[in-house]
PDB file of N, CA and C in Angstrom:
ATOM      1  N   MET A   1      93.576  83.713  59.409  1.00  0.00           N
ATOM      2  CA  MET A   1      94.365  83.138  60.234  1.00  0.00           C
ATOM      3  C   MET A   1      94.538  81.797  60.758  1.00  0.00           C
ATOM      4  N   PHE A   2      95.587  80.899  61.093  1.00  0.00           N
ATOM      5  CA  PHE A   2      95.632  79.495  61.020  1.00  0.00           C
ATOM      6  C   PHE A   2      95.293  79.610  62.548  1.00  0.00           C
ATOM      7  N   PHE A   3      94.478  78.246  63.183  1.00  0.00           N
ATOM      8  CA  PHE A   3      95.044  77.758  64.539  1.00  0.00           C
ATOM      9  C   PHE A   3      94.689  76.810  65.112  1.00  0.00           C
ATOM     10  N   THR A   4      95.993  76.341  65.502  1.00  0.00           N
ATOM     11  CA  THR A   4      95.788  74.572  65.831  1.00  0.00           C
ATOM     12  C   THR A   4      95.347  74.239  67.497  1.00  0.00           C
ATOM     13  N   ALA A   5      94.701  73.170  67.819  1.00  0.00           N
ATOM     14  CA  ALA A   5      93.771  73.484  68.578  1.00  0.00           C
ATOM     15  C   ALA A   5      95.196  72.996  70.150  1.00  0.00           C
ATOM     16  N   PRO A   6      95.128  73.290  71.087  1.00  0.00           N
ATOM     17  CA  PRO A   6      95.988  73.131  72.162  1.00  0.00           C
ATOM     18  C   PRO A   6      95.987  71.221  72.687  1.00  0.00           C
ATOM     19  N   PRO A   7      97.580  71.064  72.688  1.00  0.00           N
ATOM     20  CA  PRO A   7      97.134  69.669  72.930  1.00  0.00           C
ATOM     21  C   PRO A   7      96.129  69.271  74.974  1.00  0.00           C
ATOM     22  N   VAL A   8      95.765  67.676  74.203  1.00  0.00           N
ATOM     23  CA  VAL A   8      94.583  67.050  74.874  1.00  0.00           C
ATOM     24  C   VAL A   8      94.944  66.069  75.737  1.00  0.00           C
ATOM     25  N   MET A   9      95.443  65.810  77.134  1.00  0.00           N
ATOM     26  CA  MET A   9      95.458  64.997  78.288  1.00  0.00           C
ATOM     27  C   MET A   9      94.354  63.816  77.926  1.00  0.00           C
ATOM     28  N   ALA A  10      95.303  62.706  77.849  1.00  0.00           N
ATOM     29  CA  ALA A  10      94.926  61.561  77.102  1.00  0.00           C
ATOM     30  C   ALA A  10      93.425  60.725  78.447  1.00  0.00           C
ATOM     31  N   SER A  11      94.622  60.745  79.617  1.00  0.00           N
ATOM     32  CA  SER A  11      93.965  60.369  80.441  1.00  0.00           C
ATOM     33  C   SER A  11      93.388  61.146  82.285  1.00  0.00           C
ATOM     34  N   GLU A  12      93.405  60.771  83.264  1.00  0.00           N
ATOM     35  CA  GLU A  12      93.307  61.080  84.701  1.00  0.00           C
ATOM     36  C   GLU A  12      94.375  60.823  84.934  1.00  0.00           C
ATOM     37  N   ILE A  13      95.134  61.184  86.161  1.00  0.00           N
ATOM     38  CA  ILE A  13      96.012  60.954  86.559  1.00  0.00           C
ATOM     39  C   ILE A  13      95.714  59.621  87.543  1.00  0.00           C
ATOM     40  N   THR A  14      96.370  58.786  87.482  1.00  0.00           N
ATOM     41  CA  THR A  14      96.911  58.007  89.102  1.00  0.00           C
ATOM     42  C   THR A  14      98.148  57.942  89.409  1.00  0.00           C
ATOM     43  N   VAL A  15      97.994  58.000  90.855  1.00  0.00           N
ATOM     44  CA  VAL A  15      99.071  57.937  91.635  1.00  0.00           C
ATOM     45  C   VAL A  15      99.458  56.316  92.466  1.00  0.00           C
ATOM     46  N   GLY A  16     100.103  55.847  92.829  1.00  0.00           N
ATOM     47  CA  GLY A  16     100.577  54.782  93.194  1.00  0.00           C
ATOM     48  C   GLY A  16     101.528  54.827  93.611  1.00  0.00           C
ATOM     49  N   SER A  17     101.497  53.653  94.668  1.00  0.00           N
ATOM     50  CA  SER A  17     102.787  53.568  95.407  1.00  0.00           C
ATOM     51  C   SER A  17     103.253  54.249  96.089  1.00  0.00           C
ATOM     52  N   ILE A  18     102.280  54.456  97.003  1.00  0.00           N
ATOM     53  CA  ILE A  18     102.262  55.496  97.760  1.00  0.00           C
ATOM     54  C   ILE A  18     102.949  55.346  99.422  1.00  0.00           C
ATOM     55  N   THR A  19     104.075  55.821  99.439  1.00  0.00           N
ATOM     56  CA  THR A  19     104.628  55.926 100.826  1.00  0.00           C
ATOM     57  C   THR A  19     104.645  57.092 101.626  1.00  0.00           C
ATOM     58  N   LYS A  20     105.325  57.407 102.758  1.00  0.00           N
ATOM     59  CA  LYS A  20     105.312  58.696 104.020  1.00  0.00           C
ATOM     60  C   LYS A  20     105.676  59.278 103.615  1.00  0.00           C
ATOM     61  N   ASP A  21     106.652  59.522 102.301  1.00  0.00           N
ATOM     62  CA  ASP A  21     107.172  60.739 101.767  1.00  0.00           C
ATOM     63  C   ASP A  21     107.317  60.395 100.026  1.00  0.00           C
ATOM     64  N   GLY A  22     106.654  59.394  99.339  1.00  0.00           N
ATOM     65  CA  GLY A  22     106.815  59.702  98.009  1.00  0.00           C
ATOM     66  C   GLY A  22     105.368  59.028  97.926  1.00  0.00           C
ATOM     67  N   ALA A  23     105.779  58.980  95.927  1.00  0.00           N
ATOM     68  CA  ALA A  23     104.747  58.616  95.118  1.00  0.00           C
ATOM     69  C   ALA A  23     104.520  58.217  93.708  1.00  0.00           C
ATOM     70  N   ILE A  24     104.184  57.899  93.195  1.00  0.00           N
ATOM     71  CA  ILE A  24     103.967  57.929  91.468  1.00  0.00           C
ATOM     72  C   ILE A  24     103.321  58.160  90.834  1.00  0.00           C
ATOM     73  N   ALA A  25     103.250  58.790  90.666  1.00  0.00           N
ATOM     74  CA  ALA A  25     102.125  59.503  89.443  1.00  0.00           C
ATOM     75  C   ALA A  25     102.215  59.440  87.988  1.00  0.00           C
ATOM     76  N   SER A  26     101.075  58.805  87.340  1.00  0.00           N
ATOM     77  CA  SER A  26     101.383  58.697  85.707  1.00  0.00           C
ATOM     78  C   SER A  26     100.175  58.730  84.922  1.00  0.00           C
ATOM     79  N   TRP A  27      99.755  58.653  83.559  1.00  0.00           N
ATOM     80  CA  TRP A  27      99.191  59.110  83.008  1.00  0.00           C
ATOM     81  C   TRP A  27      99.195  58.913  81.893  1.00  0.00           C
ATOM     82  N   SER A  28      98.105  58.489  80.444  1.00  0.00           N
ATOM     83  CA  SER A  28      98.349  57.507  79.490  1.00  0.00           C
ATOM     84  C   SER A  28      99.332  58.859  78.352  1.00  0.00           C
ATOM     85  N   GLN A  29     100.124  58.050  77.556  1.00  0.00           N
ATOM     86  CA  GLN A  29     100.977  58.930  76.580  1.00  0.00           C
ATOM     87  C   GLN A  29     100.278  59.532  75.589  1.00  0.00           C
ATOM     88  N   VAL A  30      99.934  61.002  75.582  1.00  0.00           N
ATOM     89  CA  VAL A  30      99.067  61.556  74.626  1.00  0.00           C
ATOM     90  C   VAL A  30     100.087  61.252  73.129  1.00  0.00           C
ATOM     91  N   THR A  31      99.787  61.252  72.273  1.00  0.00           N
ATOM     92  CA  THR A  31     100.423  60.743  70.906  1.00  0.00           C
ATOM     93  C   THR A  31     100.514  62.224  70.652  1.00  0.00           C
ATOM     94  N   PRO A  32     101.981  62.631  70.370  1.00  0.00           N
ATOM     95  CA  PRO A  32     102.306  63.759  70.092  1.00  0.00           C
ATOM     96  C   PRO A  32     101.966  63.954  68.064  1.00  0.00           C
ATOM     97  N   THR A  33     101.999  65.270  67.963  1.00  0.00           N
ATOM     98  CA  THR A  33     101.399  65.484  66.456  1.00  0.00           C
ATOM     99  C   THR A  33     102.733  65.640  65.587  1.00  0.00           C
ATOM    100  N   ALA A  34     102.763  66.885  65.311  1.00  0.00           N
ATOM    101  CA  ALA A  34     104.269  67.466  64.481  1.00  0.00           C
ATOM    102  C   ALA A  34     104.557  68.002  65.390  1.00  0.00           C
ATOM    103  N   ASN A  35     103.962  68.712  66.168  1.00  0.00           N
ATOM    104  CA  ASN A  35     104.641  69.144  67.201  1.00  0.00           C
ATOM    105  C   ASN A  35     104.937  68.954  69.014  1.00  0.00           C
ATOM    106  N   TYR A  36     106.281  69.051  69.737  1.00  0.00           N
ATOM    107  CA  TYR A  36     106.796  68.449  70.459  1.00  0.00           C
ATOM    108  C   TYR A  36     105.773  68.331  71.635  1.00  0.00           C
ATOM    109  N   LEU A  37     105.224  67.472  71.984  1.00  0.00           N
ATOM    110  CA  LEU A  37     104.565  67.581  73.296  1.00  0.00           C
ATOM    111  C   LEU A  37     105.287  67.715  74.927  1.00  0.00           C
ATOM    112  N   LYS A  38     105.338  67.893  75.598  1.00  0.00           N
ATOM    113  CA  LYS A  38     105.825  67.692  76.982  1.00  0.00           C
ATOM    114  C   LYS A  38     104.506  68.125  78.177  1.00  0.00           C
ATOM    115  N   TYR A  39     104.911  67.598  79.443  1.00  0.00           N
ATOM    116  CA  TYR A  39     104.346  67.905  80.447  1.00  0.00           C
ATOM    117  C   TYR A  39     104.728  68.648  81.290  1.00  0.00           C
ATOM    118  N   GLU A  40     103.715  69.988  81.773  1.00  0.00           N
ATOM    119  CA  GLU A  40     104.175  70.437  83.114  1.00  0.00           C
ATOM    120  C   GLU A  40     103.171  69.787  84.316  1.00  0.00           C
ATOM    121  N   ILE A  41     104.319  69.578  85.161  1.00  0.00           N
ATOM    122  CA  ILE A  41     103.959  68.897  86.223  1.00  0.00           C
ATOM    123  C   ILE A  41     103.602  69.758  88.236  1.00  0.00           C
ATOM    124  N   GLY A  42     102.981  70.021  88.377  1.00  0.00           N
ATOM    125  CA  GLY A  42     103.187  70.916  89.343  1.00  0.00           C
ATOM    126  C   GLY A  42     102.333  69.566  90.892  1.00  0.00           C
ATOM    127  N   ILE A  43     102.865  70.430  92.144  1.00  0.00           N
ATOM    128  CA  ILE A  43     102.214  69.865  93.539  1.00  0.00           C
ATOM    129  C   ILE A  43     102.396  70.195  94.473  1.00  0.00           C
ATOM    130  N   THR A  44     101.230  70.700  94.938  1.00  0.00           N
ATOM    131  CA  THR A  44     101.368  71.147  96.552  1.00  0.00           C
ATOM    132  C   THR A  44     100.465  70.269  97.374  1.00  0.00           C
ATOM    133  N   PRO A  45     101.001  70.801  98.990  1.00  0.00           N
ATOM    134  CA  PRO A  45      99.817  70.324  99.389  1.00  0.00           C
ATOM    135  C   PRO A  45      98.146  71.157  99.611  1.00  0.00           C
ATOM    136  N   THR A  46      97.354  69.989  99.368  1.00  0.00           N
ATOM    137  CA  THR A  46      96.102  70.473  99.256  1.00  0.00           C
ATOM    138  C   THR A  46      95.804  71.729  99.973  1.00  0.00           C
ATOM    139  N   GLY A  47      95.551  72.636 100.003  1.00  0.00           N
ATOM    140  CA  GLY A  47      94.953  74.078 100.763  1.00  0.00           C
ATOM    141  C   GLY A  47      96.155  75.154 100.890  1.00  0.00           C
ATOM    142  N   ALA A  48      97.428  74.365 100.423  1.00  0.00           N
ATOM    143  CA  ALA A  48      98.410  75.530 100.329  1.00  0.00           C
ATOM    144  C   ALA A  48      98.376  77.251  99.899  1.00  0.00           C
ATOM    145  N   THR A  49      98.869  77.722 100.495  1.00  0.00           N
ATOM    146  CA  THR A  49      99.044  79.110 100.115  1.00  0.00           C
ATOM    147  C   THR A  49     100.374  79.632  99.061  1.00  0.00           C
ATOM    148  N   ILE A  50     100.858  78.613  98.866  1.00  0.00           N
ATOM    149  CA  ILE A  50     101.839  79.031  97.641  1.00  0.00           C
ATOM    150  C   ILE A  50     100.895  78.228  95.986  1.00  0.00           C
ATOM    151  N   SER A  51     101.415  78.833  95.170  1.00  0.00           N
ATOM    152  CA  SER A  51     101.162  78.662  93.656  1.00  0.00           C
ATOM    153  C   SER A  51     101.116  77.432  93.395  1.00  0.00           C
ATOM    154  N   PRO A  52      99.493  77.025  92.582  1.00  0.00           N
ATOM    155  CA  PRO A  52      99.740  75.728  92.330  1.00  0.00           C
ATOM    156  C   PRO A  52     100.413  75.487  91.459  1.00  0.00           C
ATOM    157  N   THR A  53     100.713  76.304  90.692  1.00  0.00           N
ATOM    158  CA  THR A  53     100.918  76.225  89.133  1.00  0.00           C
ATOM    159  C   THR A  53     102.933  76.312  89.297  1.00  0.00           C
ATOM    160  N   GLU A  54     103.458  75.944  90.472  1.00  0.00           N
ATOM    161  CA  GLU A  54     104.692  75.939  90.220  1.00  0.00           C
ATOM    162  C   GLU A  54     105.027  74.626  89.693  1.00  0.00           C
ATOM    163  N   ILE A  55     106.045  74.598  89.114  1.00  0.00           N
ATOM    164  CA  ILE A  55     106.539  73.617  88.163  1.00  0.00           C
ATOM    165  C   ILE A  55     107.387  72.542  88.975  1.00  0.00           C
ATOM    166  N   LEU A  56     107.061  71.048  89.052  1.00  0.00           N
ATOM    167  CA  LEU A  56     107.983  70.154  89.825  1.00  0.00           C
ATOM    168  C   LEU A  56     108.771  69.574  88.319  1.00  0.00           C
ATOM    169  N   SER A  57     108.363  69.784  87.543  1.00  0.00           N
ATOM    170  CA  SER A  57     109.120  68.914  85.937  1.00  0.00           C
ATOM    171  C   SER A  57     108.099  69.343  84.819  1.00  0.00           C
ATOM    172  N   SER A  58     109.650  69.272  84.334  1.00  0.00           N
ATOM    173  CA  SER A  58     108.800  69.241  82.688  1.00  0.00           C
ATOM    174  C   SER A  58     109.794  68.420  81.582  1.00  0.00           C
ATOM    175  N   GLU A  59     108.822  67.418  81.535  1.00  0.00           N
ATOM    176  CA  GLU A  59     109.544  66.451  80.762  1.00  0.00           C
ATOM    177  C   GLU A  59     108.794  65.743  79.847  1.00  0.00           C
ATOM    178  N   ALA A  60     108.777  64.675  79.143  1.00  0.00           N
ATOM    179  CA  ALA A  60     108.055  63.924  77.879  1.00  0.00           C
ATOM    180  C   ALA A  60     107.459  62.918  78.334  1.00  0.00           C
ATOM    181  N   SER A  61     107.943  62.307  79.936  1.00  0.00           N
ATOM    182  CA  SER A  61     107.333  61.398  80.155  1.00  0.00           C
ATOM    183  C   SER A  61     106.496  61.189  80.907  1.00  0.00           C
ATOM    184  N   PRO A  62     105.195  60.550  80.576  1.00  0.00           N
ATOM    185  CA  PRO A  62     103.658  60.412  81.713  1.00  0.00           C
ATOM    186  C   PRO A  62     103.905  59.690  82.814  1.00  0.00           C
ATOM    187  N   LYS A  63     105.082  59.413  83.491  1.00  0.00           N
ATOM    188  CA  LYS A  63     105.118  58.982  84.937  1.00  0.00           C
ATOM    189  C   LYS A  63     106.571  59.614  85.973  1.00  0.00           C
ATOM    190  N   LEU A  64     106.151  60.340  87.072  1.00  0.00           N
ATOM    191  CA  LEU A  64     107.206  61.030  87.423  1.00  0.00           C
ATOM    192  C   LEU A  64     106.586  60.258  88.740  1.00  0.00           C
ATOM    193  N   THR A  65     107.880  60.222  89.881  1.00  0.00           N
ATOM    194  CA  THR A  65     108.158  59.556  91.064  1.00  0.00           C
ATOM    195  C   THR A  65     108.407  60.549  91.680  1.00  0.00           C
ATOM    196  N   LEU A  66     107.489  60.612  92.833  1.00  0.00           N
ATOM    197  CA  LEU A  66     107.499  61.811  93.717  1.00  0.00           C
ATOM    198  C   LEU A  66     108.127  61.764  94.696  1.00  0.00           C
ATOM    199  N   SER A  67     108.681  62.118  95.376  1.00  0.00           N
ATOM    200  CA  SER A  67     109.861  62.218  97.299  1.00  0.00           C
ATOM    201  C   SER A  67     109.769  63.823  97.356  1.00  0.00           C
ATOM    202  N   GLY A  68     110.532  63.348  98.847  1.00  0.00           N
ATOM    203  CA  GLY A  68     110.671  64.771  99.278  1.00  0.00           C
ATOM    204  C   GLY A  68     108.671  64.915 100.196  1.00  0.00           C
ATOM    205  N   LEU A  69     108.628  64.123  99.835  1.00  0.00           N
ATOM    206  CA  LEU A  69     106.617  64.671 100.116  1.00  0.00           C
ATOM    207  C   LEU A  69     106.819  64.958 101.774  1.00  0.00           C
ATOM    208  N   SER A  70     106.176  65.258 102.390  1.00  0.00           N
ATOM    209  CA  SER A  70     105.575  64.786 104.476  1.00  0.00           C
ATOM    210  C   SER A  70     104.562  63.716 104.521  1.00  0.00           C
ATOM    211  N   PRO A  71     105.375  63.062 106.096  1.00  0.00           N
ATOM    212  CA  PRO A  71     103.851  61.801 106.067  1.00  0.00           C
ATOM    213  C   PRO A  71     102.348  62.464 106.616  1.00  0.00           C
ATOM    214  N   GLY A  72     101.248  61.847 106.325  1.00  0.00           N
ATOM    215  CA  GLY A  72     100.321  62.346 106.155  1.00  0.00           C
ATOM    216  C   GLY A  72      99.925  63.785 105.728  1.00  0.00           C
ATOM    217  N   THR A  73     100.156  63.845 104.691  1.00  0.00           N
ATOM    218  CA  THR A  73      99.932  65.194 103.915  1.00  0.00           C
ATOM    219  C   THR A  73      98.879  64.813 102.871  1.00  0.00           C
ATOM    220  N   GLU A  74      98.079  65.860 102.527  1.00  0.00           N
ATOM    221  CA  GLU A  74      97.327  65.308 101.390  1.00  0.00           C
ATOM    222  C   GLU A  74      97.948  66.807  99.878  1.00  0.00           C
ATOM    223  N   TYR A  75      98.254  66.061  98.957  1.00  0.00           N
ATOM    224  CA  TYR A  75      98.770  66.680  98.298  1.00  0.00           C
ATOM    225  C   TYR A  75      97.983  66.527  96.883  1.00  0.00           C
ATOM    226  N   THR A  76      98.161  67.671  96.428  1.00  0.00           N
ATOM    227  CA  THR A  76      97.200  68.111  94.534  1.00  0.00           C
ATOM    228  C   THR A  76      98.407  67.614  93.659  1.00  0.00           C
ATOM    229  N   ILE A  77      98.258  67.352  93.249  1.00  0.00           N
ATOM    230  CA  ILE A  77      99.157  66.932  91.678  1.00  0.00           C
ATOM    231  C   ILE A  77      98.113  67.332  90.645  1.00  0.00           C
ATOM    232  N   ASN A  78      99.101  68.636  89.861  1.00  0.00           N
ATOM    233  CA  ASN A  78      98.238  68.857  88.616  1.00  0.00           C
ATOM    234  C   ASN A  78      99.392  68.893  86.881  1.00  0.00           C
ATOM    235  N   VAL A  79      98.621  68.411  86.229  1.00  0.00           N
ATOM    236  CA  VAL A  79      99.799  67.869  84.755  1.00  0.00           C
ATOM    237  C   VAL A  79      99.066  68.610  84.115  1.00  0.00           C
ATOM    238  N   ASN A  80      99.363  69.549  82.937  1.00  0.00           N
ATOM    239  CA  ASN A  80      99.023  69.743  81.764  1.00  0.00           C
ATOM    240  C   ASN A  80      99.797  69.712  80.821  1.00  0.00           C
ATOM    241  N   THR A  81      99.322  69.462  79.411  1.00  0.00           N
ATOM    242  CA  THR A  81     100.504  69.138  78.223  1.00  0.00           C
ATOM    243  C   THR A  81     100.861  70.689  77.424  1.00  0.00           C
ATOM    244  N   ILE A  82     101.420  70.670  77.144  1.00  0.00           N
ATOM    245  CA  ILE A  82     102.041  71.802  76.389  1.00  0.00           C
ATOM    246  C   ILE A  82     102.873  71.384  75.282  1.00  0.00           C
ATOM    247  N   ASP A  83     102.372  71.721  73.956  1.00  0.00           N
ATOM    248  CA  ASP A  83     103.238  72.077  72.674  1.00  0.00           C
ATOM    249  C   ASP A  83     104.027  72.464  72.281  1.00  0.00           C
ATOM    250  N   SER A  84     104.425  72.272  71.213  1.00  0.00           N
ATOM    251  CA  SER A  84     105.871  72.910  71.039  1.00  0.00           C
ATOM    252  C   SER A  84     105.859  74.405  70.771  1.00  0.00           C
ATOM    253  N   ASN A  85     104.573  75.288  70.071  1.00  0.00           N
ATOM    254  CA  ASN A  85     104.373  76.551  70.314  1.00  0.00           C
ATOM    255  C   ASN A  85     103.397  76.803  71.172  1.00  0.00           C
ATOM    256  N   GLY A  86     103.855  76.665  72.530  1.00  0.00           N
ATOM    257  CA  GLY A  86     103.439  76.926  73.860  1.00  0.00           C
ATOM    258  C   GLY A  86     102.481  76.511  74.081  1.00  0.00           C
ATOM    259  N   ALA A  87     101.377  76.094  73.639  1.00  0.00           N
ATOM    260  CA  ALA A  87     100.409  76.462  73.708  1.00  0.00           C
ATOM    261  C   ALA A  87      99.592  75.056  74.669  1.00  0.00           C
ATOM    262  N   LYS A  88      99.015  75.313  75.497  1.00  0.00           N
ATOM    263  CA  LYS A  88      98.912  74.438  76.802  1.00  0.00           C
ATOM    264  C   LYS A  88      97.360  73.870  76.193  1.00  0.00           C
ATOM    265  N   GLY A  89      97.142  72.447  76.865  1.00  0.00           N
ATOM    266  CA  GLY A  89      95.477  71.691  76.641  1.00  0.00           C
ATOM    267  C   GLY A  89      95.590  71.922  78.545  1.00  0.00           C
ATOM    268  N   ALA A  90      94.325  71.134  78.364  1.00  0.00           N
ATOM    269  CA  ALA A  90      93.406  71.295  80.246  1.00  0.00           C
ATOM    270  C   ALA A  90      94.265  70.493  81.138  1.00  0.00           C
ATOM    271  N   VAL A  91      94.406  70.985  82.112  1.00  0.00           N
ATOM    272  CA  VAL A  91      94.975  70.537  83.763  1.00  0.00           C
ATOM    273  C   VAL A  91      93.929  69.619  83.575  1.00  0.00           C
ATOM    274  N   LYS A  92      94.991  68.552  83.866  1.00  0.00           N
ATOM    275  CA  LYS A  92      94.191  67.071  85.289  1.00  0.00           C
ATOM    276  C   LYS A  92      94.770  67.506  86.209  1.00  0.00           C
ATOM    277  N   SER A  93      93.831  67.201  87.540  1.00  0.00           N
ATOM    278  CA  SER A  93      94.113  66.885  88.738  1.00  0.00           C
ATOM    279  C   SER A  93      94.243  66.065  89.357  1.00  0.00           C
ATOM    280  N   THR A  94      94.426  66.107  90.502  1.00  0.00           N
ATOM    281  CA  THR A  94      93.972  64.855  91.304  1.00  0.00           C
ATOM    282  C   THR A  94      94.653  64.820  92.807  1.00  0.00           C
ATOM    283  N   LYS A  95      94.489  64.416  93.780  1.00  0.00           N
ATOM    284  CA  LYS A  95      94.630  64.579  95.030  1.00  0.00           C
ATOM    285  C   LYS A  95      95.220  63.130  95.941  1.00  0.00           C
ATOM    286  N   PHE A  96      95.869  63.453  96.526  1.00  0.00           N
ATOM    287  CA  PHE A  96      96.385  61.576  96.947  1.00  0.00           C
ATOM    288  C   PHE A  96      96.925  62.311  98.504  1.00  0.00           C
ATOM    289  N   THR A  97      96.888  61.056  99.400  1.00  0.00           N
ATOM    290  CA  THR A  97      97.818  61.708 100.597  1.00  0.00           C
ATOM    291  C   THR A  97      98.698  60.444 101.059  1.00  0.00           C
ATOM    292  N   THR A  98      99.664  61.134 101.316  1.00  0.00           N
ATOM    293  CA  THR A  98     101.014  60.228 101.803  1.00  0.00           C
ATOM    294  C   THR A  98     100.577  59.306 103.678  1.00  0.00           C
ATOM    295  N   LEU A  99     101.156  58.146 103.059  1.00  0.00           N
ATOM    296  CA  LEU A  99     101.259  57.416 104.585  1.00  0.00           C
ATOM    297  C   LEU A  99     101.592  58.120 105.927  1.00  0.00           C
ATOM    298  N   THR A 100     101.235  57.921 106.814  1.00  0.00           N
ATOM    299  CA  THR A 100     101.488  58.305 107.858  1.00  0.00           C
ATOM    300  C   THR A 100     102.727  57.196 108.849  1.00  0.00           C
ATOM    301  N   GLY A 101     103.062  58.089 109.679  1.00  0.00           N
ATOM    302  CA  GLY A 101     104.343  56.940 110.269  1.00  0.00           C
ATOM    303  C   GLY A 101     105.692  57.372 110.366  1.00  0.00           C
ATOM    304  N   LYS A 102     106.733  56.574 110.738  1.00  0.00           N
ATOM    305  CA  LYS A 102     108.345  57.080 110.268  1.00  0.00           C
ATOM    306  C   LYS A 102     108.979  56.390 109.751  1.00  0.00           C
TER     307      LYS A 102
END
């Protein structure tokens, strides 16, 4: 049998341009092999009872603008790589807190 290794995330996630209701998450572009590569992105309030694997977006871009977040809330964002065979790499996660205020 022939097995291929799942895709690998190139770097940790960074979150910047944080406001009371949004932020921009980014990571290094993973160079696709012969298989198409996309990212599966999920975000949840830290400690929430909803599924942390809920997909916010599946796309090929290593950057995502987050909006509609709640002020003063800590969020966990998870990013996973997926190849054309459905193989998933290791999930990278980070936490950030939106600003408070009106």
